[in-house]
Each structure stands twice: as C-alpha cells, then as structure tokens.
Amino acid sequence: MNDPTTALYYHRMSLDIWNQLDERGWIGVSYMHLGICHDLLNHHDSAVSYLQAGLNNIEIDRNQRLVALIHNQLGNSYLKAGNLALAKKW
C-alpha cells in the first residue's frame, strides 16, 4: 500500500483496538505509524504529535529498538519541517 491517507484509516482502527486491549507497546506502534503517515503527507506538526504520543507509550513498554526508531523519525520530521535545531536533538 502506497497511499498514506488509506493507511491513516487503518492505523486509526488499529489504535482503537489496542486502546481497548490496553496494550501500551502496540498503542505506541500505532501512534508511530500514524506519525509516519502524517509525515508522508507533509503534515509535520501532526506527525510530531503522533510520534511523541508513540514515544510516551513505547517508553512505558521499554522497547528500546522502537524508542530509537521514533527518535530517528522525530528528527526526520523536524528536518522536513525546516527545524534543524530540533532535528539535531533527535
């Protein structure tokens, strides 16, 4: 699937399901995917918000690999938004 708009729909559904199951790690993954989709759509502020939410949930789950992936994506989102100073922090 190469359509970020369609992917947003399914990742929102995924987020709803994981929230119902209270699975913090998977909630974080869903937020991460939502952030990536928003980034692909050039909605960088929304992307950062979703990625931060993903990071908050994944840090609770202590999955260091996913924490690193979100840090990388946050840096990319800030860079695409033209904020080099924040991009360098990630």
Protein backbone atom coordinates (compact mmCIF):
# COMPACT_ATOMS: atom_id res chain seq x y z
CA MET A 1 0.00 0.00 0.00
CA ASN A 2 1.49 3.32 -1.07
CA ASP A 3 -1.38 5.55 -0.01
CA PRO A 4 -0.74 7.30 3.33
CA THR A 5 -4.35 8.51 3.53
CA THR A 6 -5.71 4.96 3.36
CA ALA A 7 -3.03 3.82 5.78
CA LEU A 8 -4.16 6.51 8.25
CA TYR A 9 -7.62 4.96 8.30
CA TYR A 10 -6.31 1.50 9.15
CA HIS A 11 -3.76 2.74 11.69
CA ARG A 12 -6.53 4.66 13.48
CA MET A 13 -8.56 1.46 13.60
CA SER A 14 -5.50 -0.34 14.96
CA LEU A 15 -5.03 2.32 17.63
CA ASP A 16 -8.66 1.94 18.73
CA ILE A 17 -8.26 -1.82 19.08
CA TRP A 18 -5.01 -1.61 21.03
CA ASN A 19 -6.51 1.04 23.31
CA GLN A 20 -9.42 -1.29 24.07
CA LEU A 21 -6.92 -4.02 24.94
CA ASP A 22 -4.71 -1.57 26.89
CA GLU A 23 -1.58 -2.81 25.12
CA ARG A 24 0.82 0.10 25.68
CA GLY A 25 3.56 -1.11 23.35
CA TRP A 26 1.18 -1.67 20.45
CA ILE A 27 -0.57 1.63 21.17
CA GLY A 28 2.85 3.23 20.76
CA VAL A 29 3.46 1.40 17.49
CA SER A 30 0.09 2.59 16.14
CA TYR A 31 0.93 6.18 17.08
CA MET A 32 4.32 5.79 15.42
CA HIS A 33 2.69 4.59 12.19
CA LEU A 34 0.18 7.45 12.31
CA GLY A 35 3.07 9.87 12.70
CA ILE A 36 4.89 8.39 9.73
CA CYS A 37 1.75 8.65 7.57
CA HIS A 38 1.27 12.30 8.55
CA ASP A 39 4.92 12.94 7.74
CA LEU A 40 4.46 11.40 4.29
CA LEU A 41 1.52 13.76 3.79
CA ASN A 42 3.75 16.71 4.79
CA HIS A 43 1.71 17.30 7.96
CA HIS A 44 4.86 17.59 10.05
CA ASP A 45 3.29 19.15 13.15
CA SER A 46 0.73 16.34 13.33
CA ALA A 47 3.49 13.82 12.68
CA VAL A 48 5.50 15.11 15.62
CA SER A 49 2.43 14.96 17.90
CA TYR A 50 1.70 11.35 16.98
CA LEU A 51 5.35 10.36 17.25
CA GLN A 52 5.60 11.93 20.71
CA ALA A 53 2.49 10.00 21.79
CA GLY A 54 4.06 6.84 20.41
CA LEU A 55 7.28 7.54 22.26
CA ASN A 56 5.43 8.08 25.53
CA ASN A 57 3.68 4.72 25.21
CA ILE A 58 6.71 2.80 23.98
CA GLU A 59 8.92 4.14 26.76
CA ILE A 60 6.44 2.71 29.24
CA ASP A 61 6.80 -0.64 27.46
CA ARG A 62 10.62 -0.24 27.47
CA ASN A 63 11.17 -1.34 23.89
CA GLN A 64 14.49 0.33 23.17
CA ARG A 65 14.53 -0.58 19.48
CA LEU A 66 11.23 1.21 18.89
CA VAL A 67 12.35 4.15 21.00
CA ALA A 68 15.35 4.52 18.68
CA LEU A 69 13.13 4.28 15.58
CA ILE A 70 10.83 7.00 16.87
CA HIS A 71 13.77 9.24 17.78
CA ASN A 72 15.01 8.86 14.20
CA GLN A 73 11.58 9.62 12.74
CA LEU A 74 11.16 12.66 15.01
CA GLY A 75 14.47 14.01 13.74
CA ASN A 76 13.37 13.46 10.15
CA SER A 77 10.02 15.17 10.76
CA TYR A 78 11.63 18.21 12.34
CA LEU A 79 14.14 18.36 9.49
CA LYS A 80 11.39 18.22 6.85
CA ALA A 81 9.56 20.98 8.72
CA GLY A 82 12.71 23.11 8.47
CA ASN A 83 13.63 22.99 12.15
CA LEU A 84 17.26 21.90 12.09
CA ALA A 85 17.84 22.78 15.75
CA LEU A 86 15.15 20.36 16.95
CA ALA A 87 16.11 17.76 14.33
CA LYS A 88 19.63 17.62 15.74
CA LYS A 89 18.31 16.80 19.23
CA TRP A 90 16.82 13.54 17.94
